[in-house]
Amino acid sequence: MSTTYPAPVRLGPMMAVYFAIQLVVNMANGGAATYLLPLWLQDIDPSAKVANYGLVGTMAATCAIIAQPVWGSISDRTRSRWGRRAPWIAAGVAGLAACVAALGATRTVAVIVVAACGVQICYSMFSAPLTAIVADRTPVERRGVMSALGGAGAYLGVLGGVLATSVFAARAQTGFVACAIFAAVLGVPLAAALRRDSRELPRPPRQPLRAMLASYWVSPRQHPDFAWVFAARLVLITGFWGIYSFLLYLAQDYCGLSKDEAARIYPLLSAVLMAAILIAIVPGGWISDRLGRRKIVVIVASGLVGLSVIVPLTSPTIPALAASLVIAGLGFGAYLSVDQALMTQVLPSAADSGKQLGILNIAQAGGQVLAPGVAALVINLAGYRGLYVFAGASALAAIALVVPIKSVR
């Protein structure tokens, strides 16, 4: 039974709102979690900064893994005047804003862990229903462009958030509050713009609790392409984001800058990465739609991310770090241009698109949030050079996982 909307959608306005809300929410979340949080943890306990950042990331990732499919499933079943997705998107933005503000309200690592978990639960409440809107309302032949816009908004938002919050390098607590206000004031109205009445849609049948929990499992044997996409997404994002999440500490401990020098150069490095992603992301989605192909773009993109680690491995300097970010950004931008389109084409059932995309979003949210914990472990075992080797190996593994996909060209 299909639960997609029967009436056509004006794609232009929806694309604009979809891009804008991704940009706004990820600016707030990215600026807080990627720039302010490592600075704040370093200020609290410089000697334990890597371990504490890894702990926060691991615990938050666990919450994201659980929350993504749950919120997707809940939105599948919601019927309201606002629609089935928009109420949860708005609530997620509001909750995320409150939890971001809480990150800077304490110097106790345990409380920061709780707040970070809240951020990820609310981010999942926002992102799982938002991604499902692509499957609900966008024709397959236009999903490459939608994927590019969503990826551009999300990751440019993170990088833009780093640039914007760099003015709070010496005032992290104020920065957290600013991020929270920014998300709430702009994000909630954008969520309201995505509303579409869902009261006339058929409601999925009720399931016993045991059957509902079992439905979160998608059999790799029955749906192998779904499993390949999930695994490829998880390993690539974990490796790439492992580098980016420790970029501040890489500038200090690998390239030899002081704390203040690293804090000043970090936004510039983020701008370099942002520019490279932007150059690749929109053309990649357009080319993918024109060719009707997704896999080749993902394979080439993952290869560029893998190649990017060679430069800093041979030269632990800031110029080499910047050159690496350019190459990785071009690759990751091309990957983002088709990522969401590829996901929507391997779903086992259109009726459960929110839940299934929520499961696939575990790979993104889980990989992105799990990356600090995995990277911290790698750094402790093999140093920062080992982290680059791990990122390169992750990109190669992503290529190997995409090749077997058969249902998408």
Protein backbone atom coordinates (compact mmCIF):
# COMPACT_ATOMS: atom_id res chain seq x y z
CA MET A 1 0.00 0.00 0.00
CA SER A 2 1.47 3.33 -1.04
CA THR A 3 1.38 6.28 1.30
CA THR A 4 2.88 8.83 -1.06
CA TYR A 5 0.99 12.04 -1.68
CA PRO A 6 -1.41 11.72 -4.63
CA ALA A 7 -1.16 15.33 -5.81
CA PRO A 8 1.92 16.68 -7.64
CA VAL A 9 4.35 18.93 -5.82
CA ARG A 10 5.84 22.21 -7.05
CA LEU A 11 9.46 21.16 -6.82
CA GLY A 12 11.02 24.63 -7.06
CA PRO A 13 9.72 26.03 -3.74
CA MET A 14 10.18 22.69 -1.98
CA MET A 15 13.79 22.47 -3.16
CA ALA A 16 14.48 25.96 -1.83
CA VAL A 17 13.01 25.19 1.59
CA TYR A 18 14.70 21.77 1.71
CA PHE A 19 18.10 23.35 1.06
CA ALA A 20 17.48 26.24 3.46
CA ILE A 21 16.42 24.16 6.46
CA GLN A 22 19.35 21.78 5.98
CA LEU A 23 21.68 24.77 5.86
CA VAL A 24 20.24 26.51 8.95
CA VAL A 25 20.01 23.50 11.25
CA ASN A 26 23.39 22.12 10.26
CA MET A 27 25.04 25.52 10.72
CA ALA A 28 23.82 25.56 14.31
CA ASN A 29 24.56 21.91 14.99
CA GLY A 30 27.85 21.89 13.11
CA GLY A 31 29.18 25.07 14.65
CA ALA A 32 28.34 23.80 18.13
CA ALA A 33 29.45 20.17 17.80
CA THR A 34 32.37 20.51 15.38
CA TYR A 35 34.03 23.75 16.46
CA LEU A 36 32.82 24.91 19.87
CA LEU A 37 32.61 21.50 21.57
CA PRO A 38 36.26 20.45 21.02
CA LEU A 39 37.39 23.91 22.15
CA TRP A 40 35.16 23.66 25.22
CA LEU A 41 36.43 20.18 26.12
CA GLN A 42 40.02 21.33 25.66
CA ASP A 43 39.37 24.25 27.98
CA ILE A 44 37.85 21.96 30.61
CA ASP A 45 40.68 19.37 30.58
CA PRO A 46 43.46 19.82 27.99
CA SER A 47 45.20 16.53 28.82
CA ALA A 48 42.04 14.45 28.25
CA LYS A 49 40.64 16.33 25.25
CA VAL A 50 40.96 13.44 22.76
CA ALA A 51 39.51 10.85 25.14
CA ASN A 52 36.64 13.11 26.24
CA TYR A 53 35.75 14.10 22.68
CA GLY A 54 35.76 10.43 21.73
CA LEU A 55 33.52 9.57 24.68
CA VAL A 56 31.02 12.29 23.84
CA GLY A 57 30.94 11.20 20.20
CA THR A 58 30.51 7.51 20.99
CA MET A 59 27.62 8.02 23.40
CA ALA A 60 25.89 10.47 21.07
CA ALA A 61 26.33 8.07 18.14
CA THR A 62 24.62 5.31 20.09
CA CYS A 63 21.60 7.56 20.60
CA ALA A 64 21.56 8.50 16.90
CA ILE A 65 21.63 4.86 15.83
CA ILE A 66 18.55 4.11 17.93
CA ALA A 67 16.68 7.34 17.21
CA GLN A 68 16.93 7.58 13.41
CA PRO A 69 14.63 4.68 12.43
CA VAL A 70 12.31 5.31 15.38
CA TRP A 71 11.54 8.89 14.32
CA GLY A 72 11.26 7.81 10.69
CA SER A 73 8.73 5.14 11.65
CA ILE A 74 6.73 7.53 13.85
CA SER A 75 6.51 10.04 11.00
CA ASP A 76 5.30 7.28 8.65
CA ARG A 77 2.30 6.77 10.94
CA THR A 78 1.55 10.44 11.69
CA ARG A 79 -1.55 11.99 10.14
CA SER A 80 -2.25 15.66 10.81
CA ARG A 81 -3.21 19.00 9.32
CA TRP A 82 0.55 19.76 9.15
CA GLY A 83 1.32 16.44 7.50
CA ARG A 84 3.25 13.44 8.71
CA ARG A 85 6.78 14.87 8.50
CA ALA A 86 6.64 18.61 9.28
CA PRO A 87 5.48 18.33 12.95
CA TRP A 88 8.46 16.15 13.82
CA ILE A 89 10.88 18.27 11.81
CA ALA A 90 9.77 21.39 13.74
CA ALA A 91 9.88 19.60 17.11
CA GLY A 92 13.35 18.25 16.34
CA VAL A 93 14.68 21.72 15.53
CA ALA A 94 13.25 23.19 18.75
CA GLY A 95 14.62 20.33 20.87
CA LEU A 96 18.03 20.53 19.21
CA ALA A 97 18.23 24.25 20.00
CA ALA A 98 17.57 23.59 23.69
CA CYS A 99 20.17 20.80 23.89
CA VAL A 100 22.83 22.87 22.07
CA ALA A 101 22.36 25.64 24.63
CA ALA A 102 22.82 23.05 27.39
CA LEU A 103 26.23 21.97 26.01
CA GLY A 104 27.82 25.19 27.23
CA ALA A 105 25.95 25.42 30.51
CA THR A 106 28.29 23.07 32.39
CA ARG A 107 31.95 22.14 32.79
CA THR A 108 31.08 18.57 33.82
CA VAL A 109 31.88 16.04 31.11
CA ALA A 110 29.09 13.67 32.19
CA VAL A 111 26.47 16.41 31.76
CA ILE A 112 27.97 17.36 28.40
CA VAL A 113 27.55 13.72 27.32
CA VAL A 114 23.85 13.84 28.27
CA ALA A 115 23.35 17.11 26.37
CA ALA A 116 25.19 15.74 23.31
CA CYS A 117 22.94 12.67 23.36
CA GLY A 118 19.93 15.01 23.45
CA VAL A 119 21.32 16.89 20.45
CA GLN A 120 21.54 13.67 18.44
CA ILE A 121 18.10 12.43 19.44
CA CYS A 122 16.57 15.74 18.36
CA TYR A 123 18.69 15.90 15.21
CA SER A 124 17.36 12.44 14.30
CA MET A 125 13.81 13.71 14.92
CA PHE A 126 14.59 16.44 12.37
CA SER A 127 16.60 14.53 9.76
CA ALA A 128 14.78 11.19 9.41
CA PRO A 129 11.40 12.75 8.44
CA LEU A 130 13.13 15.39 6.32
CA THR A 131 14.95 12.80 4.21
CA ALA A 132 11.69 10.87 3.79
CA ILE A 133 10.14 13.94 2.13
CA VAL A 134 12.42 13.29 -0.87
CA ALA A 135 10.88 9.83 -1.35
CA ASP A 136 7.37 11.19 -0.67
CA ARG A 137 7.28 14.08 -3.07
CA THR A 138 10.11 13.89 -5.64
CA PRO A 139 10.08 11.92 -8.93
CA VAL A 140 12.96 9.46 -9.26
CA GLU A 141 14.42 11.36 -12.23
CA ARG A 142 14.78 14.54 -10.11
CA ARG A 143 16.19 12.96 -6.98
CA GLY A 144 19.79 13.57 -7.99
CA VAL A 145 19.22 17.33 -7.82
CA MET A 146 17.31 16.98 -4.53
CA SER A 147 20.13 14.84 -3.15
CA ALA A 148 22.66 17.47 -4.19
CA LEU A 149 20.67 20.25 -2.54
CA GLY A 150 20.20 18.26 0.66
CA GLY A 151 23.86 17.30 0.83
CA ALA A 152 24.96 20.85 -0.01
CA GLY A 153 22.72 22.30 2.69
CA ALA A 154 23.81 19.79 5.32
CA TYR A 155 27.55 19.88 4.86
CA LEU A 156 27.90 23.49 3.81
CA GLY A 157 25.83 24.22 6.89
CA VAL A 158 28.34 22.41 9.08
CA LEU A 159 31.27 24.21 7.50
CA GLY A 160 29.46 27.55 7.49
CA GLY A 161 28.68 27.01 11.16
CA VAL A 162 32.37 26.58 11.87
CA LEU A 163 33.15 29.87 10.13
CA ALA A 164 30.34 31.70 11.90
CA THR A 165 31.18 30.39 15.36
CA SER A 166 34.90 31.14 14.99
CA VAL A 167 34.17 34.58 16.45
CA PHE A 168 33.33 32.77 19.69
CA ALA A 169 36.67 30.94 19.95
CA ALA A 170 37.38 32.56 23.32
CA ARG A 171 33.71 32.58 24.42
CA ALA A 172 32.41 29.08 23.71
CA GLN A 173 29.48 29.35 26.12
CA THR A 174 28.13 32.41 24.31
CA GLY A 175 28.63 30.61 21.02
CA PHE A 176 26.45 27.68 22.10
CA VAL A 177 23.61 30.06 22.99
CA ALA A 178 23.98 31.89 19.67
CA CYS A 179 23.75 28.59 17.76
CA ALA A 180 20.62 27.61 19.70
CA ILE A 181 18.86 30.91 18.98
CA PHE A 182 19.82 30.76 15.30
CA ALA A 183 18.37 27.24 14.90
CA ALA A 184 15.11 28.00 16.69
CA VAL A 185 14.38 31.37 15.10
CA LEU A 186 15.03 30.29 11.49
CA GLY A 187 14.58 26.52 11.56
CA VAL A 188 11.08 26.20 13.00
CA PRO A 189 9.45 28.55 10.43
CA LEU A 190 11.19 26.66 7.62
CA ALA A 191 9.79 23.39 8.99
CA ALA A 192 6.32 24.95 8.92
CA ALA A 193 6.81 25.72 5.21
CA LEU A 194 7.12 21.97 4.53
CA ARG A 195 3.70 21.15 5.96
CA ARG A 196 1.23 19.31 3.77
CA ASP A 197 -2.03 17.86 5.05
CA SER A 198 -1.77 14.08 5.49
CA ARG A 199 -5.17 13.36 7.04
CA GLU A 200 -6.46 11.78 3.81
CA LEU A 201 -3.54 9.36 3.49
CA PRO A 202 -4.22 5.74 4.53
CA ARG A 203 -2.66 4.94 7.89
CA PRO A 204 -0.39 1.89 8.12
CA PRO A 205 -1.96 -0.97 10.11
CA ARG A 206 -1.09 -1.25 13.79
CA GLN A 207 1.62 -3.73 14.71
CA PRO A 208 2.31 -5.56 17.96
CA LEU A 209 5.45 -4.28 19.70
CA ARG A 210 7.45 -7.38 18.84
CA ALA A 211 6.53 -7.17 15.16
CA MET A 212 7.27 -3.45 15.11
CA LEU A 213 10.76 -3.99 16.56
CA ALA A 214 11.39 -6.82 14.12
CA SER A 215 10.41 -4.53 11.23
CA TYR A 216 13.47 -2.38 11.88
CA TRP A 217 15.59 -5.25 10.59
CA VAL A 218 16.03 -5.22 6.81
CA SER A 219 17.41 -8.58 5.72
CA PRO A 220 20.64 -8.23 3.71
CA ARG A 221 19.79 -11.53 2.01
CA GLN A 222 16.39 -10.33 0.80
CA HIS A 223 17.44 -6.72 0.14
CA PRO A 224 21.20 -6.82 -0.58
CA ASP A 225 21.37 -3.42 -2.31
CA PHE A 226 19.91 -1.75 0.77
CA ALA A 227 22.65 -3.37 2.86
CA TRP A 228 25.43 -2.41 0.41
CA VAL A 229 24.34 1.25 0.41
CA PHE A 230 24.14 1.30 4.21
CA ALA A 231 27.61 -0.21 4.66
CA ALA A 232 29.28 1.97 2.01
CA ARG A 233 27.79 5.13 3.46
CA LEU A 234 28.82 4.21 7.00
CA VAL A 235 32.47 3.48 6.28
CA LEU A 236 33.04 6.45 3.98
CA ILE A 237 31.47 9.00 6.33
CA THR A 238 33.21 7.55 9.40
CA GLY A 239 36.60 7.83 7.71
CA PHE A 240 36.06 11.27 6.20
CA TRP A 241 34.47 12.75 9.31
CA GLY A 242 37.13 11.20 11.52
CA ILE A 243 39.61 13.54 9.85
CA TYR A 244 37.37 16.58 9.92
CA SER A 245 36.21 16.13 13.51
CA PHE A 246 39.85 16.18 14.67
CA LEU A 247 40.96 18.95 12.30
CA LEU A 248 41.50 21.39 15.18
CA TYR A 249 43.70 18.91 17.03
CA LEU A 250 45.46 17.88 13.78
CA ALA A 251 46.52 21.49 13.26
CA GLN A 252 47.97 21.54 16.78
CA ASP A 253 49.39 18.08 17.42
CA TYR A 254 50.23 16.93 13.87
CA CYS A 255 51.22 20.21 12.19
CA GLY A 256 52.72 21.85 15.29
CA LEU A 257 50.58 24.97 15.75
CA SER A 258 49.76 26.48 19.13
CA LYS A 259 46.21 26.36 20.49
CA ASP A 260 45.51 29.96 19.47
CA GLU A 261 47.09 29.54 16.01
CA ALA A 262 45.04 26.39 15.40
CA ALA A 263 41.82 28.14 16.47
CA ARG A 264 42.53 30.92 13.96
CA ILE A 265 43.50 28.64 11.05
CA TYR A 266 40.70 26.13 11.56
CA PRO A 267 37.94 28.31 10.04
CA LEU A 268 40.15 28.97 7.00
CA LEU A 269 40.73 25.25 6.52
CA SER A 270 36.99 24.70 6.82
CA ALA A 271 36.41 27.38 4.16
CA VAL A 272 38.78 25.55 1.81
CA LEU A 273 36.84 22.33 2.34
CA MET A 274 33.52 24.16 1.88
CA ALA A 275 34.61 25.66 -1.43
CA ALA A 276 35.73 22.28 -2.77
CA ILE A 277 32.46 20.60 -1.78
CA LEU A 278 30.43 23.40 -3.36
CA ILE A 279 32.37 23.16 -6.63
CA ALA A 280 31.58 19.45 -6.97
CA ILE A 281 28.17 18.96 -5.41
CA VAL A 282 25.64 20.60 -7.74
CA PRO A 283 27.28 19.56 -11.05
CA GLY A 284 27.54 16.01 -9.71
CA GLY A 285 23.80 15.76 -9.08
CA TRP A 286 22.95 17.27 -12.46
CA ILE A 287 25.34 14.95 -14.32
CA SER A 288 23.97 11.94 -12.44
CA ASP A 289 20.40 12.81 -13.42
CA ARG A 290 21.40 13.39 -17.05
CA LEU A 291 23.26 10.07 -17.28
CA GLY A 292 20.73 8.18 -15.19
CA ARG A 293 23.66 6.72 -13.26
CA ARG A 294 24.55 6.90 -9.55
CA LYS A 295 27.18 4.21 -8.89
CA ILE A 296 29.97 5.58 -11.07
CA VAL A 297 29.73 8.98 -9.36
CA VAL A 298 29.94 7.35 -5.93
CA ILE A 299 32.93 5.21 -6.95
CA VAL A 300 34.92 8.13 -8.40
CA ALA A 301 34.01 10.33 -5.44
CA SER A 302 35.12 7.73 -2.89
CA GLY A 303 38.38 7.30 -4.79
CA LEU A 304 39.14 11.02 -4.50
CA VAL A 305 38.49 10.92 -0.75
CA GLY A 306 40.93 8.01 -0.50
CA LEU A 307 43.61 9.78 -2.53
CA SER A 308 43.37 12.90 -0.37
CA VAL A 309 45.14 11.27 2.59
CA ILE A 310 48.40 10.79 0.67
CA VAL A 311 49.40 14.48 0.81
CA PRO A 312 49.40 14.99 4.61
CA LEU A 313 50.97 11.57 5.13
CA THR A 314 54.02 12.75 3.16
CA SER A 315 54.09 16.27 4.64
CA PRO A 316 52.66 17.14 8.10
CA THR A 317 52.23 20.84 7.30
CA ILE A 318 49.30 23.26 7.02
CA PRO A 319 49.65 23.66 3.21
CA ALA A 320 49.56 19.88 2.82
CA LEU A 321 46.56 19.71 5.12
CA ALA A 322 44.78 22.34 3.00
CA ALA A 323 45.61 20.51 -0.25
CA SER A 324 44.24 17.30 1.23
CA LEU A 325 40.99 19.05 2.15
CA VAL A 326 40.59 20.34 -1.43
CA ILE A 327 40.88 16.82 -2.87
CA ALA A 328 38.66 15.30 -0.17
CA GLY A 329 36.11 18.10 -0.60
CA LEU A 330 35.83 17.54 -4.34
CA GLY A 331 35.31 13.84 -3.75
CA PHE A 332 32.88 14.24 -0.88
CA GLY A 333 30.91 16.90 -2.75
CA ALA A 334 30.47 14.57 -5.70
CA TYR A 335 29.44 11.80 -3.30
CA LEU A 336 26.84 13.98 -1.60
CA SER A 337 25.40 14.93 -4.98
CA VAL A 338 23.98 11.43 -5.46
CA ASP A 339 23.96 9.97 -1.96
CA GLN A 340 20.32 10.62 -1.05
CA ALA A 341 19.10 9.80 -4.57
CA LEU A 342 20.86 6.44 -4.37
CA MET A 343 19.26 5.74 -0.99
CA THR A 344 15.72 6.40 -2.19
CA GLN A 345 16.18 3.93 -5.08
CA VAL A 346 17.07 0.90 -2.91
CA LEU A 347 14.16 1.09 -0.43
CA PRO A 348 12.32 -2.23 0.02
CA SER A 349 8.91 -0.52 0.47
CA ALA A 350 7.52 2.93 -0.38
CA ALA A 351 4.96 2.62 2.42
CA ASP A 352 7.72 2.57 5.05
CA SER A 353 10.05 5.07 3.40
CA GLY A 354 10.46 7.18 6.52
CA LYS A 355 11.51 4.24 8.65
CA GLN A 356 13.78 2.75 6.00
CA LEU A 357 15.46 6.06 5.22
CA GLY A 358 15.85 6.48 8.97
CA ILE A 359 17.74 3.18 9.02
CA LEU A 360 19.94 4.36 6.16
CA ASN A 361 20.43 7.67 7.95
CA ILE A 362 22.03 5.71 10.80
CA ALA A 363 24.95 5.39 8.41
CA GLN A 364 25.21 9.17 8.05
CA ALA A 365 24.31 10.34 11.54
CA GLY A 366 25.94 7.32 13.13
CA GLY A 367 29.05 7.61 10.97
CA GLN A 368 29.35 11.35 11.49
CA VAL A 369 28.82 11.18 15.25
CA LEU A 370 30.68 7.89 15.72
CA ALA A 371 33.71 9.29 13.92
CA PRO A 372 35.19 11.14 16.95
CA GLY A 373 35.09 7.96 19.05
CA VAL A 374 36.61 5.78 16.34
CA ALA A 375 39.17 8.44 15.47
CA ALA A 376 40.15 8.86 19.13
CA LEU A 377 40.77 5.10 19.37
CA VAL A 378 42.86 5.11 16.18
CA ILE A 379 44.88 8.12 17.39
CA ASN A 380 45.60 6.44 20.72
CA LEU A 381 46.74 3.26 18.95
CA ALA A 382 48.54 4.62 15.88
CA GLY A 383 48.75 8.41 16.15
CA TYR A 384 47.51 10.96 13.64
CA ARG A 385 49.27 9.22 10.74
CA GLY A 386 47.26 6.14 11.58
CA LEU A 387 44.10 8.26 11.37
CA TYR A 388 44.92 9.22 7.77
CA VAL A 389 45.62 5.59 6.88
CA PHE A 390 42.28 4.62 8.41
CA ALA A 391 40.43 7.30 6.39
CA GLY A 392 42.05 6.14 3.15
CA ALA A 393 41.20 2.51 3.86
CA SER A 394 37.60 3.50 4.63
CA ALA A 395 37.25 5.16 1.22
CA LEU A 396 38.59 2.09 -0.56
CA ALA A 397 36.20 -0.10 1.42
CA ALA A 398 33.31 2.14 0.35
CA ILE A 399 34.19 1.55 -3.31
CA ALA A 400 34.25 -2.21 -2.78
CA LEU A 401 30.81 -2.05 -1.12
CA VAL A 402 29.17 -0.01 -3.90
CA VAL A 403 30.28 -2.23 -6.78
CA PRO A 404 27.87 -5.14 -5.99
CA ILE A 405 24.73 -2.93 -6.10
CA LYS A 406 22.53 -4.22 -8.94
CA SER A 407 19.22 -2.34 -8.82
CA VAL A 408 20.79 1.08 -9.49
CA ARG A 409 23.08 1.85 -12.40
